[in-house]
């Protein structure tokens, strides 16, 4: 087997479970927050579940195996059920990244619990199980910090846009959110422009957040 293919398989194997859990919990958190605020849309759609088949996006799954990143289907939310639609969407939006940051903490706890055992048993049979689990927990910290930070970008339709809209004056908020259909193109343009200029524009925002979070959790970001 070519070395690059073997490395790809190892990387996907390490990232698959943390990314799947991160995406599912992110969307589930949105749905639970909306339900708690009076919106039954996600429950009626069968999305208040940890079953990944209810959340996976086919294209997002394919992209994961190609580029090691992916996305899930957004949970349907109807702000008309909220007493204050903008404030309600702010709380629903916060729930997604909040779930990811909580998962990062839990994965960090698992990492610190497994690491000494993996080091102690790395030469025996038990180490063959503990070392991969330690790497997976380490990757879980990284994946959830990245996903949480990325979704805080104030670019519609990312969660950060609904958070920002929730604190803007009503008229300005709705005008701002009206640009949501262009948000994906803004993100793609930032990526392409960054490639042309050899500048990681998204990374300039994400990296400090991820590094700070990893530092607080005392988890190295190389795996």
C-alpha atoms as a PDB file:
ATOM      1  CA  UNK A   1       0.000   0.000   0.000  1.00  0.00           C
ATOM      2  CA  UNK A   2       1.390   3.451  -0.919  1.00  0.00           C
ATOM      3  CA  UNK A   3       2.580   5.418   2.100  1.00  0.00           C
ATOM      4  CA  UNK A   4       0.324   8.421   1.401  1.00  0.00           C
ATOM      5  CA  UNK A   5      -2.726   6.131   1.281  1.00  0.00           C
ATOM      6  CA  UNK A   6      -1.743   4.442   4.530  1.00  0.00           C
ATOM      7  CA  UNK A   7      -1.300   7.856   6.187  1.00  0.00           C
ATOM      8  CA  UNK A   8      -4.712   8.927   4.865  1.00  0.00           C
ATOM      9  CA  UNK A   9      -6.386   5.844   6.318  1.00  0.00           C
ATOM     10  CA  UNK A  10      -4.751   6.440   9.703  1.00  0.00           C
ATOM     11  CA  UNK A  11      -5.807  10.116   9.729  1.00  0.00           C
ATOM     12  CA  UNK A  12      -9.406   9.316   8.775  1.00  0.00           C
ATOM     13  CA  UNK A  13      -9.533   6.563  11.394  1.00  0.00           C
ATOM     14  CA  UNK A  14      -8.422   8.967  14.114  1.00  0.00           C
ATOM     15  CA  UNK A  15     -10.705  11.829  13.078  1.00  0.00           C
ATOM     16  CA  UNK A  16     -13.853   9.900  12.103  1.00  0.00           C
ATOM     17  CA  UNK A  17     -15.370   9.270  15.553  1.00  0.00           C
ATOM     18  CA  UNK A  18     -14.555  12.707  17.058  1.00  0.00           C
ATOM     19  CA  UNK A  19     -15.829  14.554  13.983  1.00  0.00           C
ATOM     20  CA  UNK A  20     -19.000  12.485  13.787  1.00  0.00           C
ATOM     21  CA  UNK A  21     -19.711  13.061  17.473  1.00  0.00           C
ATOM     22  CA  UNK A  22     -18.892  16.771  17.164  1.00  0.00           C
ATOM     23  CA  UNK A  23     -21.273  17.286  14.245  1.00  0.00           C
ATOM     24  CA  UNK A  24     -24.112  15.241  15.736  1.00  0.00           C
ATOM     25  CA  UNK A  25     -23.900  16.894  19.167  1.00  0.00           C
ATOM     26  CA  UNK A  26     -23.646  20.345  17.562  1.00  0.00           C
ATOM     27  CA  UNK A  27     -26.888  19.886  15.646  1.00  0.00           C
ATOM     28  CA  UNK A  28     -28.622  18.064  18.506  1.00  0.00           C
ATOM     29  CA  UNK A  29     -27.784  20.983  20.813  1.00  0.00           C
ATOM     30  CA  UNK A  30     -29.442  23.391  18.390  1.00  0.00           C
ATOM     31  CA  UNK A  31     -32.548  21.220  18.290  1.00  0.00           C
ATOM     32  CA  UNK A  32     -32.754  20.788  22.061  1.00  0.00           C
ATOM     33  CA  UNK A  33     -32.314  24.517  22.642  1.00  0.00           C
ATOM     34  CA  UNK A  34     -35.046  25.327  20.125  1.00  0.00           C
ATOM     35  CA  UNK A  35     -37.356  22.722  21.689  1.00  0.00           C
ATOM     36  CA  UNK A  36     -36.737  24.148  25.163  1.00  0.00           C
ATOM     37  CA  UNK A  37     -37.756  27.570  23.798  1.00  0.00           C
ATOM     38  CA  UNK A  38     -41.012  26.215  22.390  1.00  0.00           C
ATOM     39  CA  UNK A  39     -40.109  25.156  18.831  1.00  0.00           C
ATOM     40  CA  UNK A  40     -41.103  21.504  18.111  1.00  0.00           C
ATOM     41  CA  UNK A  41     -39.827  21.554  14.505  1.00  0.00           C
ATOM     42  CA  UNK A  42     -36.660  19.528  15.152  1.00  0.00           C
ATOM     43  CA  UNK A  43     -38.562  16.971  17.250  1.00  0.00           C
ATOM     44  CA  UNK A  44     -41.195  16.541  14.536  1.00  0.00           C
ATOM     45  CA  UNK A  45     -38.385  16.030  11.996  1.00  0.00           C
ATOM     46  CA  UNK A  46     -36.857  13.300  14.149  1.00  0.00           C
ATOM     47  CA  UNK A  47     -33.679  15.279  14.744  1.00  0.00           C
ATOM     48  CA  UNK A  48     -33.607  15.196  18.561  1.00  0.00           C
ATOM     49  CA  UNK A  49     -31.465  12.069  18.483  1.00  0.00           C
ATOM     50  CA  UNK A  50     -27.837  10.978  18.650  1.00  0.00           C
ATOM     51  CA  UNK A  51     -28.421   8.677  15.674  1.00  0.00           C
ATOM     52  CA  UNK A  52     -25.838   9.975  13.142  1.00  0.00           C
ATOM     53  CA  UNK A  53     -27.919   8.762  10.200  1.00  0.00           C
ATOM     54  CA  UNK A  54     -30.502  11.432  11.041  1.00  0.00           C
ATOM     55  CA  UNK A  55     -27.879  14.183  10.897  1.00  0.00           C
ATOM     56  CA  UNK A  56     -25.311  13.224   8.270  1.00  0.00           C
ATOM     57  CA  UNK A  57     -25.170  15.196   5.031  1.00  0.00           C
ATOM     58  CA  UNK A  58     -24.130  12.977   2.073  1.00  0.00           C
ATOM     59  CA  UNK A  59     -21.877  15.601   0.511  1.00  0.00           C
ATOM     60  CA  UNK A  60     -20.387  16.568   3.869  1.00  0.00           C
ATOM     61  CA  UNK A  61     -19.557  12.916   4.496  1.00  0.00           C
ATOM     62  CA  UNK A  62     -17.861  12.502   1.113  1.00  0.00           C
ATOM     63  CA  UNK A  63     -15.845  15.694   1.633  1.00  0.00           C
ATOM     64  CA  UNK A  64     -14.658  14.357   4.991  1.00  0.00           C
ATOM     65  CA  UNK A  65     -13.010  11.347   3.368  1.00  0.00           C
ATOM     66  CA  UNK A  66     -11.349  13.664   0.827  1.00  0.00           C
ATOM     67  CA  UNK A  67     -10.353  16.684   2.902  1.00  0.00           C
ATOM     68  CA  UNK A  68     -10.746  15.520   6.542  1.00  0.00           C
ATOM     69  CA  UNK A  69     -13.476  18.116   7.143  1.00  0.00           C
ATOM     70  CA  UNK A  70     -17.219  17.732   6.883  1.00  0.00           C
ATOM     71  CA  UNK A  71     -20.601  19.000   7.940  1.00  0.00           C
ATOM     72  CA  UNK A  72     -24.030  17.765   8.975  1.00  0.00           C
ATOM     73  CA  UNK A  73     -27.524  18.726   7.875  1.00  0.00           C
ATOM     74  CA  UNK A  74     -28.692  21.831   9.768  1.00  0.00           C
ATOM     75  CA  UNK A  75     -31.436  21.144  12.280  1.00  0.00           C
ATOM     76  CA  UNK A  76     -34.672  22.876  11.188  1.00  0.00           C
ATOM     77  CA  UNK A  77     -35.619  25.760  13.456  1.00  0.00           C
ATOM     78  CA  UNK A  78     -38.719  27.953  13.149  1.00  0.00           C
ATOM     79  CA  UNK A  79     -38.162  31.238  15.036  1.00  0.00           C
ATOM     80  CA  UNK A  80     -41.885  32.038  14.809  1.00  0.00           C
ATOM     81  CA  UNK A  81     -42.350  29.783  17.844  1.00  0.00           C
ATOM     82  CA  UNK A  82     -40.110  32.033  19.956  1.00  0.00           C
ATOM     83  CA  UNK A  83     -41.488  34.928  21.964  1.00  0.00           C
ATOM     84  CA  UNK A  84     -38.549  36.992  20.728  1.00  0.00           C
ATOM     85  CA  UNK A  85     -37.296  35.468  17.452  1.00  0.00           C
ATOM     86  CA  UNK A  86     -33.903  37.229  17.435  1.00  0.00           C
ATOM     87  CA  UNK A  87     -33.121  36.439  21.080  1.00  0.00           C
ATOM     88  CA  UNK A  88     -34.400  32.908  20.612  1.00  0.00           C
ATOM     89  CA  UNK A  89     -32.152  32.331  17.607  1.00  0.00           C
ATOM     90  CA  UNK A  90     -29.226  33.785  19.579  1.00  0.00           C
ATOM     91  CA  UNK A  91     -29.703  31.156  22.294  1.00  0.00           C
ATOM     92  CA  UNK A  92     -30.179  28.366  19.746  1.00  0.00           C
ATOM     93  CA  UNK A  93     -27.046  29.497  17.909  1.00  0.00           C
ATOM     94  CA  UNK A  94     -24.984  29.552  21.125  1.00  0.00           C
ATOM     95  CA  UNK A  95     -25.998  25.977  21.910  1.00  0.00           C
ATOM     96  CA  UNK A  96     -24.104  24.477  18.956  1.00  0.00           C
ATOM     97  CA  UNK A  97     -20.618  25.890  19.623  1.00  0.00           C
ATOM     98  CA  UNK A  98     -21.298  25.519  23.343  1.00  0.00           C
ATOM     99  CA  UNK A  99     -21.800  21.770  22.850  1.00  0.00           C
ATOM    100  CA  UNK A 100     -18.513  21.583  20.932  1.00  0.00           C
ATOM    101  CA  UNK A 101     -16.548  23.406  23.620  1.00  0.00           C
ATOM    102  CA  UNK A 102     -18.062  21.120  26.262  1.00  0.00           C
ATOM    103  CA  UNK A 103     -17.072  18.089  24.179  1.00  0.00           C
ATOM    104  CA  UNK A 104     -13.540  19.492  23.888  1.00  0.00           C
ATOM    105  CA  UNK A 105     -13.349  19.589  27.700  1.00  0.00           C
ATOM    106  CA  UNK A 106     -14.656  16.012  27.986  1.00  0.00           C
ATOM    107  CA  UNK A 107     -12.220  14.742  25.355  1.00  0.00           C
ATOM    108  CA  UNK A 108      -9.396  16.546  27.178  1.00  0.00           C
ATOM    109  CA  UNK A 109     -10.334  14.788  30.419  1.00  0.00           C
ATOM    110  CA  UNK A 110     -10.326  11.469  28.575  1.00  0.00           C
ATOM    111  CA  UNK A 111      -6.958  12.299  27.014  1.00  0.00           C
ATOM    112  CA  UNK A 112      -5.342  13.087  30.363  1.00  0.00           C
ATOM    113  CA  UNK A 113      -6.789   9.911  31.833  1.00  0.00           C
ATOM    114  CA  UNK A 114      -5.568   7.690  28.994  1.00  0.00           C
ATOM    115  CA  UNK A 115      -2.148   9.233  28.327  1.00  0.00           C
ATOM    116  CA  UNK A 116      -0.258   7.855  31.350  1.00  0.00           C
ATOM    117  CA  UNK A 117      -1.784   4.418  30.774  1.00  0.00           C
ATOM    118  CA  UNK A 118      -0.890   4.492  27.080  1.00  0.00           C
ATOM    119  CA  UNK A 119       2.713   5.443  27.903  1.00  0.00           C
ATOM    120  CA  UNK A 120       2.985   2.735  30.539  1.00  0.00           C
ATOM    121  CA  UNK A 121       1.607   0.014  28.265  1.00  0.00           C
ATOM    122  CA  UNK A 122       2.825   1.160  24.851  1.00  0.00           C
ATOM    123  CA  UNK A 123       5.086  -1.885  24.494  1.00  0.00           C
ATOM    124  CA  UNK A 124       2.441  -4.506  25.287  1.00  0.00           C
ATOM    125  CA  UNK A 125      -0.890  -5.661  23.907  1.00  0.00           C
ATOM    126  CA  UNK A 126      -2.958  -3.240  25.981  1.00  0.00           C
ATOM    127  CA  UNK A 127      -1.018  -0.366  24.440  1.00  0.00           C
ATOM    128  CA  UNK A 128      -2.344  -1.305  20.994  1.00  0.00           C
ATOM    129  CA  UNK A 129      -5.758  -0.265  22.282  1.00  0.00           C
ATOM    130  CA  UNK A 130      -4.803   2.619  24.561  1.00  0.00           C
ATOM    131  CA  UNK A 131      -2.537   4.481  22.113  1.00  0.00           C
ATOM    132  CA  UNK A 132      -5.222   4.813  19.373  1.00  0.00           C
ATOM    133  CA  UNK A 133      -7.824   5.815  21.988  1.00  0.00           C
ATOM    134  CA  UNK A 134      -5.461   8.492  23.299  1.00  0.00           C
ATOM    135  CA  UNK A 135      -4.941   9.852  19.783  1.00  0.00           C
ATOM    136  CA  UNK A 136      -8.690   9.829  19.147  1.00  0.00           C
ATOM    137  CA  UNK A 137      -9.361  11.758  22.368  1.00  0.00           C
ATOM    138  CA  UNK A 138      -6.626  14.246  21.424  1.00  0.00           C
ATOM    139  CA  UNK A 139      -8.177  14.663  17.981  1.00  0.00           C
ATOM    140  CA  UNK A 140     -11.554  15.154  19.679  1.00  0.00           C
ATOM    141  CA  UNK A 141     -10.223  18.229  21.456  1.00  0.00           C
ATOM    142  CA  UNK A 142      -8.876  19.662  18.187  1.00  0.00           C
ATOM    143  CA  UNK A 143     -11.988  18.899  16.103  1.00  0.00           C
ATOM    144  CA  UNK A 144     -14.403  20.402  18.622  1.00  0.00           C
ATOM    145  CA  UNK A 145     -12.342  23.535  19.186  1.00  0.00           C
ATOM    146  CA  UNK A 146     -12.106  24.111  15.428  1.00  0.00           C
ATOM    147  CA  UNK A 147     -15.810  23.430  14.800  1.00  0.00           C
ATOM    148  CA  UNK A 148     -16.891  25.596  17.726  1.00  0.00           C
ATOM    149  CA  UNK A 149     -14.625  28.488  16.725  1.00  0.00           C
ATOM    150  CA  UNK A 150     -15.555  28.239  13.038  1.00  0.00           C
ATOM    151  CA  UNK A 151     -19.269  28.440  13.785  1.00  0.00           C
ATOM    152  CA  UNK A 152     -18.725  31.601  15.836  1.00  0.00           C
ATOM    153  CA  UNK A 153     -17.648  33.479  12.707  1.00  0.00           C
ATOM    154  CA  UNK A 154     -20.221  36.280  12.203  1.00  0.00           C
ATOM    155  CA  UNK A 155     -20.899  35.228   8.619  1.00  0.00           C
ATOM    156  CA  UNK A 156     -24.462  34.180   7.730  1.00  0.00           C
ATOM    157  CA  UNK A 157     -25.586  31.418   7.934  1.00  0.00           C
ATOM    158  CA  UNK A 158     -23.027  30.370  10.586  1.00  0.00           C
ATOM    159  CA  UNK A 159     -24.071  30.483  14.243  1.00  0.00           C
ATOM    160  CA  UNK A 160     -22.040  33.626  14.838  1.00  0.00           C
ATOM    161  CA  UNK A 161     -24.399  35.569  12.573  1.00  0.00           C
ATOM    162  CA  UNK A 162     -27.442  34.724  14.701  1.00  0.00           C
ATOM    163  CA  UNK A 163     -25.499  35.567  17.841  1.00  0.00           C
ATOM    164  CA  UNK A 164     -24.561  38.971  16.440  1.00  0.00           C
ATOM    165  CA  UNK A 165     -28.087  39.561  15.123  1.00  0.00           C
ATOM    166  CA  UNK A 166     -29.432  38.918  18.605  1.00  0.00           C
ATOM    167  CA  UNK A 167     -27.628  41.972  19.976  1.00  0.00           C
ATOM    168  CA  UNK A 168     -28.189  44.313  17.014  1.00  0.00           C
ATOM    169  CA  UNK A 169     -31.174  46.673  16.696  1.00  0.00           C
ATOM    170  CA  UNK A 170     -34.069  44.768  15.108  1.00  0.00           C
ATOM    171  CA  UNK A 171     -33.998  46.512  11.713  1.00  0.00           C
ATOM    172  CA  UNK A 172     -30.211  46.208  11.404  1.00  0.00           C
ATOM    173  CA  UNK A 173     -30.380  42.559  12.475  1.00  0.00           C
ATOM    174  CA  UNK A 174     -32.877  41.548   9.795  1.00  0.00           C
ATOM    175  CA  UNK A 175     -30.981  43.476   7.137  1.00  0.00           C
ATOM    176  CA  UNK A 176     -27.760  41.762   8.221  1.00  0.00           C
ATOM    177  CA  UNK A 177     -29.361  38.300   8.166  1.00  0.00           C
ATOM    178  CA  UNK A 178     -30.764  38.955   4.697  1.00  0.00           C
ATOM    179  CA  UNK A 179     -27.232  38.470   3.378  1.00  0.00           C
ATOM    180  CA  UNK A 180     -27.325  34.853   4.572  1.00  0.00           C
ATOM    181  CA  UNK A 181     -27.636  33.467   1.047  1.00  0.00           C
ATOM    182  CA  UNK A 182     -24.267  35.006   0.212  1.00  0.00           C
ATOM    183  CA  UNK A 183     -22.471  33.749   3.324  1.00  0.00           C
ATOM    184  CA  UNK A 184     -21.230  30.515   1.790  1.00  0.00           C
ATOM    185  CA  UNK A 185     -19.706  32.455  -1.085  1.00  0.00           C
ATOM    186  CA  UNK A 186     -17.968  34.803   1.377  1.00  0.00           C
ATOM    187  CA  UNK A 187     -16.384  31.821   3.125  1.00  0.00           C
ATOM    188  CA  UNK A 188     -15.351  30.206  -0.172  1.00  0.00           C
ATOM    189  CA  UNK A 189     -13.932  33.515  -1.375  1.00  0.00           C
ATOM    190  CA  UNK A 190     -11.905  33.846   1.829  1.00  0.00           C
ATOM    191  CA  UNK A 191     -10.482  30.362   1.304  1.00  0.00           C
ATOM    192  CA  UNK A 192      -9.677  30.917  -2.387  1.00  0.00           C
ATOM    193  CA  UNK A 193      -8.226  34.390  -1.788  1.00  0.00           C
ATOM    194  CA  UNK A 194      -6.141  32.987   1.011  1.00  0.00           C
ATOM    195  CA  UNK A 195      -4.783  30.311  -1.310  1.00  0.00           C
ATOM    196  CA  UNK A 196      -3.935  32.899  -3.977  1.00  0.00           C
ATOM    197  CA  UNK A 197      -2.194  35.183  -1.493  1.00  0.00           C
ATOM    198  CA  UNK A 198      -0.735  32.290   0.490  1.00  0.00           C
ATOM    199  CA  UNK A 199      -2.524  33.595   3.589  1.00  0.00           C
ATOM    200  CA  UNK A 200      -4.807  31.425   5.694  1.00  0.00           C
ATOM    201  CA  UNK A 201      -7.506  34.026   6.312  1.00  0.00           C
ATOM    202  CA  UNK A 202      -9.800  31.711   8.259  1.00  0.00           C
ATOM    203  CA  UNK A 203      -6.862  30.287  10.158  1.00  0.00           C
ATOM    204  CA  UNK A 204      -5.940  33.759  11.411  1.00  0.00           C
ATOM    205  CA  UNK A 205      -9.185  33.769  13.376  1.00  0.00           C
ATOM    206  CA  UNK A 206      -9.458  30.086  14.192  1.00  0.00           C
ATOM    207  CA  UNK A 207      -5.860  29.334  15.162  1.00  0.00           C
ATOM    208  CA  UNK A 208      -5.634  31.720  18.176  1.00  0.00           C
ATOM    209  CA  UNK A 209      -8.925  30.365  19.537  1.00  0.00           C
ATOM    210  CA  UNK A 210      -7.869  26.733  19.036  1.00  0.00           C
ATOM    211  CA  UNK A 211      -4.383  27.315  20.458  1.00  0.00           C
ATOM    212  CA  UNK A 212      -5.779  29.156  23.484  1.00  0.00           C
ATOM    213  CA  UNK A 213      -8.339  26.431  24.131  1.00  0.00           C
ATOM    214  CA  UNK A 214      -5.781  23.661  23.707  1.00  0.00           C
ATOM    215  CA  UNK A 215      -3.389  25.487  26.007  1.00  0.00           C
ATOM    216  CA  UNK A 216      -6.032  25.847  28.718  1.00  0.00           C
ATOM    217  CA  UNK A 217      -6.876  22.161  28.387  1.00  0.00           C
ATOM    218  CA  UNK A 218      -3.156  21.243  28.251  1.00  0.00           C
ATOM    219  CA  UNK A 219      -3.581  19.108  25.129  1.00  0.00           C
ATOM    220  CA  UNK A 220      -0.949  19.315  22.324  1.00  0.00           C
ATOM    221  CA  UNK A 221      -2.386  19.870  18.874  1.00  0.00           C
ATOM    222  CA  UNK A 222       0.009  17.566  16.996  1.00  0.00           C
ATOM    223  CA  UNK A 223      -1.151  13.997  16.535  1.00  0.00           C
END
